[in-house]
PDB file of N, CA and C in Angstrom:
ATOM      1  N   GLY A   1      96.183 159.325 -28.213  1.00  0.00           N
ATOM      2  CA  GLY A   1      95.733 160.642 -28.046  1.00  0.00           C
ATOM      3  C   GLY A   1      95.871 161.470 -26.503  1.00  0.00           C
ATOM      4  N   ILE A   2      96.021 160.471 -25.547  1.00  0.00           N
ATOM      5  CA  ILE A   2      96.523 161.446 -24.225  1.00  0.00           C
ATOM      6  C   ILE A   2      97.685 161.654 -24.049  1.00  0.00           C
ATOM      7  N   PHE A   3      98.844 160.848 -24.693  1.00  0.00           N
ATOM      8  CA  PHE A   3     100.124 160.710 -24.801  1.00  0.00           C
ATOM      9  C   PHE A   3     100.371 162.091 -25.771  1.00  0.00           C
ATOM     10  N   PHE A   4      99.901 162.212 -27.057  1.00  0.00           N
ATOM     11  CA  PHE A   4      99.863 163.446 -27.655  1.00  0.00           C
ATOM     12  C   PHE A   4      99.507 164.405 -26.638  1.00  0.00           C
ATOM     13  N   GLN A   5      98.541 164.716 -26.639  1.00  0.00           N
ATOM     14  CA  GLN A   5      97.903 165.955 -25.948  1.00  0.00           C
ATOM     15  C   GLN A   5      98.676 166.337 -24.908  1.00  0.00           C
ATOM     16  N   ARG A   6      99.696 165.346 -24.306  1.00  0.00           N
ATOM     17  CA  ARG A   6     100.214 165.892 -23.192  1.00  0.00           C
ATOM     18  C   ARG A   6     101.524 166.494 -23.722  1.00  0.00           C
ATOM     19  N   CYS A   7     101.952 165.624 -24.591  1.00  0.00           N
ATOM     20  CA  CYS A   7     102.673 166.559 -25.339  1.00  0.00           C
ATOM     21  C   CYS A   7     102.850 168.076 -25.689  1.00  0.00           C
ATOM     22  N   ALA A   8     101.910 167.765 -26.562  1.00  0.00           N
ATOM     23  CA  ALA A   8     101.387 168.981 -27.183  1.00  0.00           C
ATOM     24  C   ALA A   8     101.068 170.354 -26.270  1.00  0.00           C
ATOM     25  N   LEU A   9     100.589 170.001 -25.045  1.00  0.00           N
ATOM     26  CA  LEU A   9     100.652 171.201 -23.905  1.00  0.00           C
ATOM     27  C   LEU A   9     102.047 171.103 -23.545  1.00  0.00           C
ATOM     28  N   GLU A  10     102.756 170.514 -23.314  1.00  0.00           N
ATOM     29  CA  GLU A  10     103.911 170.685 -22.582  1.00  0.00           C
ATOM     30  C   GLU A  10     104.728 171.353 -23.201  1.00  0.00           C
ATOM     31  N   ALA A  11     105.114 170.818 -25.061  1.00  0.00           N
ATOM     32  CA  ALA A  11     105.406 171.760 -26.170  1.00  0.00           C
ATOM     33  C   ALA A  11     104.956 173.580 -26.029  1.00  0.00           C
ATOM     34  N   GLN A  12     103.931 173.491 -25.980  1.00  0.00           N
ATOM     35  CA  GLN A  12     103.180 175.006 -25.988  1.00  0.00           C
ATOM     36  C   GLN A  12     103.984 175.791 -24.520  1.00  0.00           C
ATOM     37  N   ARG A  13     103.989 174.558 -23.372  1.00  0.00           N
ATOM     38  CA  ARG A  13     104.376 175.812 -22.448  1.00  0.00           C
ATOM     39  C   ARG A  13     105.939 175.970 -22.143  1.00  0.00           C
ATOM     40  N   GLN A  14     106.733 175.173 -23.033  1.00  0.00           N
ATOM     41  CA  GLN A  14     107.997 175.331 -23.193  1.00  0.00           C
ATOM     42  C   GLN A  14     107.782 176.417 -24.503  1.00  0.00           C
ATOM     43  N   GLY A  15     107.097 177.258 -24.810  1.00  0.00           N
ATOM     44  CA  GLY A  15     107.083 177.903 -26.376  1.00  0.00           C
ATOM     45  C   GLY A  15     107.889 177.513 -27.646  1.00  0.00           C
ATOM     46  N   LEU A  16     107.489 175.687 -27.678  1.00  0.00           N
ATOM     47  CA  LEU A  16     107.982 174.840 -28.951  1.00  0.00           C
ATOM     48  C   LEU A  16     106.520 175.192 -29.717  1.00  0.00           C
ATOM     49  N   ALA A  17     106.716 174.349 -30.829  1.00  0.00           N
ATOM     50  CA  ALA A  17     105.329 174.432 -32.090  1.00  0.00           C
ATOM     51  C   ALA A  17     105.640 172.714 -32.354  1.00  0.00           C
ATOM     52  N   ILE A  18     104.027 172.384 -32.787  1.00  0.00           N
ATOM     53  CA  ILE A  18     103.863 171.229 -32.809  1.00  0.00           C
ATOM     54  C   ILE A  18     103.312 171.003 -34.618  1.00  0.00           C
ATOM     55  N   ALA A  19     103.900 170.546 -35.234  1.00  0.00           N
ATOM     56  CA  ALA A  19     103.395 170.031 -36.772  1.00  0.00           C
ATOM     57  C   ALA A  19     103.114 168.390 -36.609  1.00  0.00           C
ATOM     58  N   VAL A  20     101.958 168.551 -37.027  1.00  0.00           N
ATOM     59  CA  VAL A  20     101.408 167.255 -37.140  1.00  0.00           C
ATOM     60  C   VAL A  20     101.056 166.634 -38.499  1.00  0.00           C
ATOM     61  N   HIS A  21     101.524 165.400 -38.954  1.00  0.00           N
ATOM     62  CA  HIS A  21     101.897 164.777 -40.248  1.00  0.00           C
ATOM     63  C   HIS A  21     101.151 163.651 -40.032  1.00  0.00           C
ATOM     64  N   ALA A  22      99.594 163.724 -40.532  1.00  0.00           N
ATOM     65  CA  ALA A  22      98.232 162.531 -40.802  1.00  0.00           C
ATOM     66  C   ALA A  22      98.867 162.046 -41.728  1.00  0.00           C
ATOM     67  N   ALA A  23      98.973 163.298 -43.249  1.00  0.00           N
ATOM     68  CA  ALA A  23      99.465 161.872 -44.340  1.00  0.00           C
ATOM     69  C   ALA A  23      99.959 160.733 -44.027  1.00  0.00           C
ATOM     70  N   ALA A  24     100.962 160.841 -43.395  1.00  0.00           N
ATOM     71  CA  ALA A  24     101.888 159.937 -42.810  1.00  0.00           C
ATOM     72  C   ALA A  24     101.458 158.629 -42.371  1.00  0.00           C
ATOM     73  N   VAL A  25     100.266 158.624 -41.673  1.00  0.00           N
ATOM     74  CA  VAL A  25      99.530 157.582 -40.698  1.00  0.00           C
ATOM     75  C   VAL A  25      98.185 157.205 -41.902  1.00  0.00           C
ATOM     76  N   GLU A  26      97.667 158.372 -42.137  1.00  0.00           N
ATOM     77  CA  GLU A  26      96.436 158.160 -43.264  1.00  0.00           C
ATOM     78  C   GLU A  26      96.604 157.459 -44.334  1.00  0.00           C
ATOM     79  N   SER A  27      97.656 157.604 -45.164  1.00  0.00           N
ATOM     80  CA  SER A  27      97.863 157.557 -46.326  1.00  0.00           C
ATOM     81  C   SER A  27      98.744 155.958 -46.518  1.00  0.00           C
ATOM     82  N   THR A  28      98.092 154.958 -47.012  1.00  0.00           N
ATOM     83  CA  THR A  28      99.109 153.572 -47.015  1.00  0.00           C
ATOM     84  C   THR A  28      99.937 153.532 -47.883  1.00  0.00           C
ATOM     85  N   GLY A  29     100.020 154.260 -48.895  1.00  0.00           N
ATOM     86  CA  GLY A  29     101.463 154.427 -49.165  1.00  0.00           C
ATOM     87  C   GLY A  29     102.866 154.949 -48.795  1.00  0.00           C
ATOM     88  N   LEU A  30     102.687 156.304 -48.426  1.00  0.00           N
ATOM     89  CA  LEU A  30     103.290 156.411 -47.172  1.00  0.00           C
ATOM     90  C   LEU A  30     103.456 156.234 -45.777  1.00  0.00           C
ATOM     91  N   ASN A  31     102.078 155.163 -45.109  1.00  0.00           N
ATOM     92  CA  ASN A  31     102.626 154.687 -44.350  1.00  0.00           C
ATOM     93  C   ASN A  31     103.634 153.588 -44.282  1.00  0.00           C
ATOM     94  N   ALA A  32     103.586 152.832 -45.531  1.00  0.00           N
ATOM     95  CA  ALA A  32     104.351 151.573 -45.858  1.00  0.00           C
ATOM     96  C   ALA A  32     105.920 152.335 -46.099  1.00  0.00           C
ATOM     97  N   MET A  33     105.605 153.314 -46.332  1.00  0.00           N
ATOM     98  CA  MET A  33     107.493 154.243 -46.612  1.00  0.00           C
ATOM     99  C   MET A  33     108.152 154.244 -45.081  1.00  0.00           C
ATOM    100  N   LEU A  34     106.939 154.876 -44.483  1.00  0.00           N
ATOM    101  CA  LEU A  34     107.768 155.025 -43.095  1.00  0.00           C
ATOM    102  C   LEU A  34     107.539 153.993 -41.999  1.00  0.00           C
ATOM    103  N   ARG A  35     107.054 153.263 -42.499  1.00  0.00           N
ATOM    104  CA  ARG A  35     107.382 151.817 -41.857  1.00  0.00           C
ATOM    105  C   ARG A  35     108.943 151.261 -42.153  1.00  0.00           C
ATOM    106  N   ALA A  36     108.919 151.542 -43.756  1.00  0.00           N
ATOM    107  CA  ALA A  36     110.108 150.608 -43.991  1.00  0.00           C
ATOM    108  C   ALA A  36     111.803 151.280 -43.417  1.00  0.00           C
ATOM    109  N   ARG A  37     110.808 153.043 -43.500  1.00  0.00           N
ATOM    110  CA  ARG A  37     112.265 153.671 -43.003  1.00  0.00           C
ATOM    111  C   ARG A  37     112.255 153.672 -41.318  1.00  0.00           C
ATOM    112  N   LEU A  38     111.460 152.837 -40.555  1.00  0.00           N
ATOM    113  CA  LEU A  38     111.553 152.866 -39.282  1.00  0.00           C
ATOM    114  C   LEU A  38     112.228 151.707 -38.820  1.00  0.00           C
ATOM    115  N   LYS A  39     111.952 150.466 -39.728  1.00  0.00           N
ATOM    116  CA  LYS A  39     112.350 149.643 -39.682  1.00  0.00           C
ATOM    117  C   LYS A  39     111.392 148.414 -38.742  1.00  0.00           C
ATOM    118  N   ARG A  40     109.950 148.950 -38.604  1.00  0.00           N
ATOM    119  CA  ARG A  40     108.664 148.271 -38.379  1.00  0.00           C
ATOM    120  C   ARG A  40     108.012 148.175 -39.009  1.00  0.00           C
ATOM    121  N   LEU A  41     106.968 146.735 -38.280  1.00  0.00           N
ATOM    122  CA  LEU A  41     105.803 145.881 -38.679  1.00  0.00           C
ATOM    123  C   LEU A  41     105.048 146.755 -38.248  1.00  0.00           C
ATOM    124  N   ALA A  42     104.525 147.384 -37.337  1.00  0.00           N
ATOM    125  CA  ALA A  42     103.994 147.717 -36.919  1.00  0.00           C
ATOM    126  C   ALA A  42     103.157 149.068 -37.848  1.00  0.00           C
ATOM    127  N   ARG A  43     101.937 149.506 -37.710  1.00  0.00           N
ATOM    128  CA  ARG A  43     101.454 150.537 -38.339  1.00  0.00           C
ATOM    129  C   ARG A  43     101.919 152.052 -37.197  1.00  0.00           C
ATOM    130  N   PRO A  44     102.259 152.908 -37.376  1.00  0.00           N
ATOM    131  CA  PRO A  44     102.407 154.316 -36.915  1.00  0.00           C
ATOM    132  C   PRO A  44     100.775 154.367 -36.749  1.00  0.00           C
ATOM    133  N   THR A  45     100.517 155.420 -35.349  1.00  0.00           N
ATOM    134  CA  THR A  45      99.474 155.905 -35.002  1.00  0.00           C
ATOM    135  C   THR A  45      99.774 157.375 -34.933  1.00  0.00           C
ATOM    136  N   MET A  46     100.857 158.046 -34.948  1.00  0.00           N
ATOM    137  CA  MET A  46     101.225 159.572 -34.818  1.00  0.00           C
ATOM    138  C   MET A  46     102.636 159.765 -35.601  1.00  0.00           C
ATOM    139  N   VAL A  47     102.337 160.664 -36.168  1.00  0.00           N
ATOM    140  CA  VAL A  47     103.914 161.035 -36.310  1.00  0.00           C
ATOM    141  C   VAL A  47     103.651 162.861 -36.301  1.00  0.00           C
ATOM    142  N   PHE A  48     104.498 163.576 -35.556  1.00  0.00           N
ATOM    143  CA  PHE A  48     104.635 165.194 -35.544  1.00  0.00           C
ATOM    144  C   PHE A  48     105.737 165.621 -35.247  1.00  0.00           C
ATOM    145  N   ARG A  49     105.994 166.634 -35.687  1.00  0.00           N
ATOM    146  CA  ARG A  49     107.428 167.321 -35.175  1.00  0.00           C
ATOM    147  C   ARG A  49     107.699 167.982 -34.152  1.00  0.00           C
ATOM    148  N   VAL A  50     108.402 168.625 -32.911  1.00  0.00           N
ATOM    149  CA  VAL A  50     108.237 169.354 -32.000  1.00  0.00           C
ATOM    150  C   VAL A  50     109.678 170.673 -32.523  1.00  0.00           C
ATOM    151  N   GLY A  51     109.633 171.582 -31.919  1.00  0.00           N
ATOM    152  CA  GLY A  51     110.901 172.522 -32.336  1.00  0.00           C
ATOM    153  C   GLY A  51     110.346 173.785 -32.218  1.00  0.00           C
ATOM    154  N   TYR A  52     111.386 174.648 -32.372  1.00  0.00           N
ATOM    155  CA  TYR A  52     110.920 176.144 -32.443  1.00  0.00           C
ATOM    156  C   TYR A  52     110.412 176.911 -33.965  1.00  0.00           C
ATOM    157  N   ALA A  53     109.576 177.134 -34.245  1.00  0.00           N
ATOM    158  CA  ALA A  53     108.953 177.827 -35.271  1.00  0.00           C
ATOM    159  C   ALA A  53     109.826 178.944 -35.817  1.00  0.00           C
ATOM    160  N   THR A  54     109.912 179.042 -37.010  1.00  0.00           N
ATOM    161  CA  THR A  54     111.132 180.165 -37.787  1.00  0.00           C
ATOM    162  C   THR A  54     109.941 181.024 -38.562  1.00  0.00           C
ATOM    163  N   GLU A  55     108.727 180.877 -38.840  1.00  0.00           N
ATOM    164  CA  GLU A  55     107.880 181.572 -39.246  1.00  0.00           C
ATOM    165  C   GLU A  55     106.197 180.958 -38.870  1.00  0.00           C
ATOM    166  N   ASN A  56     105.551 182.286 -38.766  1.00  0.00           N
ATOM    167  CA  ASN A  56     104.275 181.571 -38.672  1.00  0.00           C
ATOM    168  C   ASN A  56     103.257 180.991 -39.453  1.00  0.00           C
ATOM    169  N   ARG A  57     102.879 179.576 -39.636  1.00  0.00           N
ATOM    170  CA  ARG A  57     101.814 179.325 -40.841  1.00  0.00           C
ATOM    171  C   ARG A  57     100.318 179.421 -40.676  1.00  0.00           C
ATOM    172  N   ARG A  58      99.801 179.940 -41.876  1.00  0.00           N
ATOM    173  CA  ARG A  58      98.237 179.660 -40.981  1.00  0.00           C
ATOM    174  C   ARG A  58      97.520 177.909 -41.431  1.00  0.00           C
ATOM    175  N   HIS A  59      96.576 178.054 -40.500  1.00  0.00           N
ATOM    176  CA  HIS A  59      96.337 176.226 -40.006  1.00  0.00           C
ATOM    177  C   HIS A  59      95.610 175.911 -41.399  1.00  0.00           C
ATOM    178  N   SER A  60      95.658 174.595 -41.905  1.00  0.00           N
ATOM    179  CA  SER A  60      94.477 174.261 -42.950  1.00  0.00           C
ATOM    180  C   SER A  60      93.584 174.170 -43.167  1.00  0.00           C
ATOM    181  N   PRO A  61      92.822 174.584 -44.334  1.00  0.00           N
ATOM    182  CA  PRO A  61      91.707 175.374 -44.367  1.00  0.00           C
ATOM    183  C   PRO A  61      90.409 174.428 -43.761  1.00  0.00           C
ATOM    184  N   ARG A  62      89.493 174.077 -42.928  1.00  0.00           N
ATOM    185  CA  ARG A  62      88.701 173.283 -42.870  1.00  0.00           C
ATOM    186  C   ARG A  62      87.407 173.729 -43.022  1.00  0.00           C
ATOM    187  N   LEU A  63      86.493 172.874 -43.227  1.00  0.00           N
ATOM    188  CA  LEU A  63      85.193 173.409 -43.730  1.00  0.00           C
ATOM    189  C   LEU A  63      84.399 173.378 -41.922  1.00  0.00           C
ATOM    190  N   LEU A  64      83.342 173.889 -41.941  1.00  0.00           N
ATOM    191  CA  LEU A  64      82.518 174.229 -40.521  1.00  0.00           C
ATOM    192  C   LEU A  64      82.106 173.416 -40.498  1.00  0.00           C
ATOM    193  N   ALA A  65      81.592 172.870 -39.355  1.00  0.00           N
ATOM    194  CA  ALA A  65      80.929 172.128 -38.457  1.00  0.00           C
ATOM    195  C   ALA A  65      79.707 171.904 -39.400  1.00  0.00           C
ATOM    196  N   SER A  66      78.815 173.227 -39.201  1.00  0.00           N
ATOM    197  CA  SER A  66      77.517 173.448 -39.964  1.00  0.00           C
ATOM    198  C   SER A  66      77.405 172.237 -41.741  1.00  0.00           C
ATOM    199  N   SER A  67      78.493 173.278 -42.528  1.00  0.00           N
ATOM    200  CA  SER A  67      78.569 172.353 -43.441  1.00  0.00           C
ATOM    201  C   SER A  67      78.620 170.689 -43.450  1.00  0.00           C
ATOM    202  N   VAL A  68      79.350 170.555 -42.718  1.00  0.00           N
ATOM    203  CA  VAL A  68      79.922 168.595 -42.830  1.00  0.00           C
ATOM    204  C   VAL A  68      78.257 168.123 -41.974  1.00  0.00           C
ATOM    205  N   SER A  69      77.742 169.005 -40.982  1.00  0.00           N
ATOM    206  CA  SER A  69      76.913 167.871 -40.618  1.00  0.00           C
ATOM    207  C   SER A  69      75.735 168.254 -41.560  1.00  0.00           C
ATOM    208  N   ALA A  70      75.242 169.108 -42.383  1.00  0.00           N
ATOM    209  CA  ALA A  70      74.547 169.201 -43.755  1.00  0.00           C
ATOM    210  C   ALA A  70      74.951 168.224 -44.928  1.00  0.00           C
ATOM    211  N   VAL A  71      76.014 167.829 -45.107  1.00  0.00           N
ATOM    212  CA  VAL A  71      76.371 166.867 -46.155  1.00  0.00           C
ATOM    213  C   VAL A  71      76.267 165.479 -45.656  1.00  0.00           C
ATOM    214  N   LEU A  72      76.452 165.058 -44.190  1.00  0.00           N
ATOM    215  CA  LEU A  72      76.190 163.955 -44.006  1.00  0.00           C
ATOM    216  C   LEU A  72      74.383 163.674 -43.645  1.00  0.00           C
ATOM    217  N   GLY A  73      74.010 164.610 -43.697  1.00  0.00           N
ATOM    218  CA  GLY A  73      72.076 164.725 -43.122  1.00  0.00           C
ATOM    219  C   GLY A  73      71.790 163.988 -44.560  1.00  0.00           C
ATOM    220  N   GLU A  74      71.945 165.015 -45.768  1.00  0.00           N
ATOM    221  CA  GLU A  74      71.821 164.902 -46.962  1.00  0.00           C
ATOM    222  C   GLU A  74      72.250 163.440 -47.487  1.00  0.00           C
ATOM    223  N   ALA A  75      73.634 162.772 -47.265  1.00  0.00           N
ATOM    224  CA  ALA A  75      73.922 161.704 -47.577  1.00  0.00           C
ATOM    225  C   ALA A  75      72.854 160.389 -46.894  1.00  0.00           C
ATOM    226  N   ARG A  76      72.539 160.790 -45.504  1.00  0.00           N
ATOM    227  CA  ARG A  76      71.928 159.716 -44.992  1.00  0.00           C
ATOM    228  C   ARG A  76      70.371 159.340 -45.912  1.00  0.00           C
ATOM    229  N   GLU A  77      69.809 160.636 -46.041  1.00  0.00           N
ATOM    230  CA  GLU A  77      68.463 160.585 -46.547  1.00  0.00           C
ATOM    231  C   GLU A  77      68.770 159.994 -48.136  1.00  0.00           C
ATOM    232  N   ARG A  78      69.846 159.643 -48.566  1.00  0.00           N
ATOM    233  CA  ARG A  78      69.706 158.810 -49.910  1.00  0.00           C
ATOM    234  C   ARG A  78      69.611 157.571 -49.842  1.00  0.00           C
TER     235      ARG A  78
END
């Protein structure tokens, strides 16, 4: 986390963009393919690209924190 944060901050300072690939780490199947490609047994904890963006992309849609809190509260009550 700390190392990635430093990379992201330095990249932004240099005018670079970062694209995080969470699915490659979180999905068991994609992670297995990534480990095979890297010829590693250990599970990668972070995968991201750094470079100069050629276009502006919107952020992935996210739920509001209040919505998540409401859903979690309802689940606890059950």
